[in-house]
C-alpha atoms as a PDB file:
ATOM      1  CA  UNK A   1    -173.977 166.182-138.597  1.00  0.00           C
ATOM      2  CA  UNK A   2    -170.360 167.249-137.758  1.00  0.00           C
ATOM      3  CA  UNK A   3    -170.681 170.347-140.208  1.00  0.00           C
ATOM      4  CA  UNK A   4    -174.074 171.337-138.362  1.00  0.00           C
ATOM      5  CA  UNK A   5    -172.252 170.941-134.872  1.00  0.00           C
ATOM      6  CA  UNK A   6    -169.287 172.985-136.081  1.00  0.00           C
ATOM      7  CA  UNK A   7    -171.096 175.912-137.649  1.00  0.00           C
ATOM      8  CA  UNK A   8    -173.392 176.164-134.666  1.00  0.00           C
ATOM      9  CA  UNK A   9    -170.750 175.986-132.136  1.00  0.00           C
ATOM     10  CA  UNK A  10    -168.094 178.108-133.780  1.00  0.00           C
ATOM     11  CA  UNK A  11    -165.670 174.827-134.181  1.00  0.00           C
ATOM     12  CA  UNK A  12    -162.512 174.954-135.278  1.00  0.00           C
ATOM     13  CA  UNK A  13    -161.898 175.925-139.314  1.00  0.00           C
ATOM     14  CA  UNK A  14    -162.657 172.952-141.373  1.00  0.00           C
ATOM     15  CA  UNK A  15    -161.966 172.930-145.190  1.00  0.00           C
ATOM     16  CA  UNK A  16    -163.904 170.687-147.411  1.00  0.00           C
ATOM     17  CA  UNK A  17    -163.289 170.665-151.266  1.00  0.00           C
ATOM     18  CA  UNK A  18    -165.988 169.178-153.459  1.00  0.00           C
ATOM     19  CA  UNK A  19    -165.535 168.213-157.173  1.00  0.00           C
ATOM     20  CA  UNK A  20    -168.500 167.429-159.582  1.00  0.00           C
ATOM     21  CA  UNK A  21    -168.823 166.801-163.193  1.00  0.00           C
ATOM     22  CA  UNK A  22    -171.561 168.744-164.893  1.00  0.00           C
ATOM     23  CA  UNK A  23    -172.810 165.514-166.318  1.00  0.00           C
ATOM     24  CA  UNK A  24    -173.488 163.913-163.111  1.00  0.00           C
ATOM     25  CA  UNK A  25    -176.956 163.263-161.459  1.00  0.00           C
ATOM     26  CA  UNK A  26    -178.461 166.520-160.955  1.00  0.00           C
ATOM     27  CA  UNK A  27    -179.464 165.321-157.326  1.00  0.00           C
ATOM     28  CA  UNK A  28    -175.943 165.111-156.550  1.00  0.00           C
ATOM     29  CA  UNK A  29    -175.068 168.629-157.847  1.00  0.00           C
ATOM     30  CA  UNK A  30    -177.963 169.833-155.930  1.00  0.00           C
ATOM     31  CA  UNK A  31    -177.141 167.904-152.511  1.00  0.00           C
ATOM     32  CA  UNK A  32    -173.598 169.602-152.770  1.00  0.00           C
ATOM     33  CA  UNK A  33    -174.937 172.880-153.530  1.00  0.00           C
ATOM     34  CA  UNK A  34    -177.414 172.841-150.451  1.00  0.00           C
ATOM     35  CA  UNK A  35    -174.665 171.317-148.236  1.00  0.00           C
ATOM     36  CA  UNK A  36    -172.572 174.488-148.841  1.00  0.00           C
ATOM     37  CA  UNK A  37    -175.367 176.709-148.747  1.00  0.00           C
ATOM     38  CA  UNK A  38    -176.441 175.390-145.189  1.00  0.00           C
ATOM     39  CA  UNK A  39    -173.199 174.869-143.716  1.00  0.00           C
ATOM     40  CA  UNK A  40    -170.645 176.704-145.757  1.00  0.00           C
ATOM     41  CA  UNK A  41    -170.239 179.289-143.278  1.00  0.00           C
ATOM     42  CA  UNK A  42    -168.391 180.280-139.904  1.00  0.00           C
ATOM     43  CA  UNK A  43    -165.630 177.578-139.459  1.00  0.00           C
ATOM     44  CA  UNK A  44    -166.979 175.515-142.332  1.00  0.00           C
ATOM     45  CA  UNK A  45    -165.243 176.499-145.481  1.00  0.00           C
ATOM     46  CA  UNK A  46    -166.111 175.025-148.951  1.00  0.00           C
ATOM     47  CA  UNK A  47    -165.319 175.152-152.327  1.00  0.00           C
ATOM     48  CA  UNK A  48    -166.695 173.530-155.254  1.00  0.00           C
ATOM     49  CA  UNK A  49    -165.232 172.689-158.610  1.00  0.00           C
ATOM     50  CA  UNK A  50    -167.404 172.048-161.439  1.00  0.00           C
ATOM     51  CA  UNK A  51    -165.920 169.762-164.438  1.00  0.00           C
ATOM     52  CA  UNK A  52    -167.320 170.735-167.593  1.00  0.00           C
ATOM     53  CA  UNK A  53    -168.836 167.642-169.440  1.00  0.00           C
ATOM     54  CA  UNK A  54    -167.517 165.619-166.414  1.00  0.00           C
ATOM     55  CA  UNK A  55    -169.190 162.321-165.234  1.00  0.00           C
ATOM     56  CA  UNK A  56    -168.913 160.321-162.054  1.00  0.00           C
ATOM     57  CA  UNK A  57    -165.511 158.540-162.640  1.00  0.00           C
ATOM     58  CA  UNK A  58    -161.574 158.749-161.806  1.00  0.00           C
ATOM     59  CA  UNK A  59    -160.663 159.601-165.216  1.00  0.00           C
ATOM     60  CA  UNK A  60    -162.923 162.903-165.036  1.00  0.00           C
ATOM     61  CA  UNK A  61    -161.760 163.762-161.323  1.00  0.00           C
ATOM     62  CA  UNK A  62    -158.136 162.879-161.917  1.00  0.00           C
ATOM     63  CA  UNK A  63    -157.541 165.380-164.640  1.00  0.00           C
ATOM     64  CA  UNK A  64    -159.019 168.154-162.305  1.00  0.00           C
ATOM     65  CA  UNK A  65    -157.506 167.414-159.120  1.00  0.00           C
ATOM     66  CA  UNK A  66    -154.990 170.314-159.301  1.00  0.00           C
ATOM     67  CA  UNK A  67    -157.345 173.187-158.295  1.00  0.00           C
ATOM     68  CA  UNK A  68    -158.669 171.406-155.247  1.00  0.00           C
ATOM     69  CA  UNK A  69    -155.602 170.106-154.124  1.00  0.00           C
ATOM     70  CA  UNK A  70    -153.956 173.341-154.315  1.00  0.00           C
ATOM     71  CA  UNK A  71    -156.660 175.026-152.430  1.00  0.00           C
ATOM     72  CA  UNK A  72    -156.688 172.621-149.513  1.00  0.00           C
ATOM     73  CA  UNK A  73    -152.682 172.676-149.506  1.00  0.00           C
ATOM     74  CA  UNK A  74    -152.974 176.533-149.259  1.00  0.00           C
ATOM     75  CA  UNK A  75    -155.336 176.060-146.151  1.00  0.00           C
ATOM     76  CA  UNK A  76    -152.847 173.728-144.173  1.00  0.00           C
ATOM     77  CA  UNK A  77    -150.121 174.776-142.045  1.00  0.00           C
ATOM     78  CA  UNK A  78    -146.598 173.763-143.160  1.00  0.00           C
ATOM     79  CA  UNK A  79    -144.453 171.325-141.270  1.00  0.00           C
ATOM     80  CA  UNK A  80    -142.589 172.487-138.187  1.00  0.00           C
ATOM     81  CA  UNK A  81    -139.000 171.122-137.480  1.00  0.00           C
ATOM     82  CA  UNK A  82    -138.938 168.920-134.428  1.00  0.00           C
ATOM     83  CA  UNK A  83    -136.663 170.200-131.443  1.00  0.00           C
END
């Protein structure tokens, strides 16, 4: 609902990173791709990392976290010194 409102209302930029293993449930993969196609425009920025042979578990995701973490980090402003 939030993504729908942000996209429709020209809301603030929001970045959403997805990871999915290629051996996960096809409905899950399709739902992610549908979300990205529907809401991944305007202020809603999405990116998907597909993990070849991966399944839905921490061991699969942990090995591939560098890409999504790097992308999210590049979108966030750095800290500013306090006065």
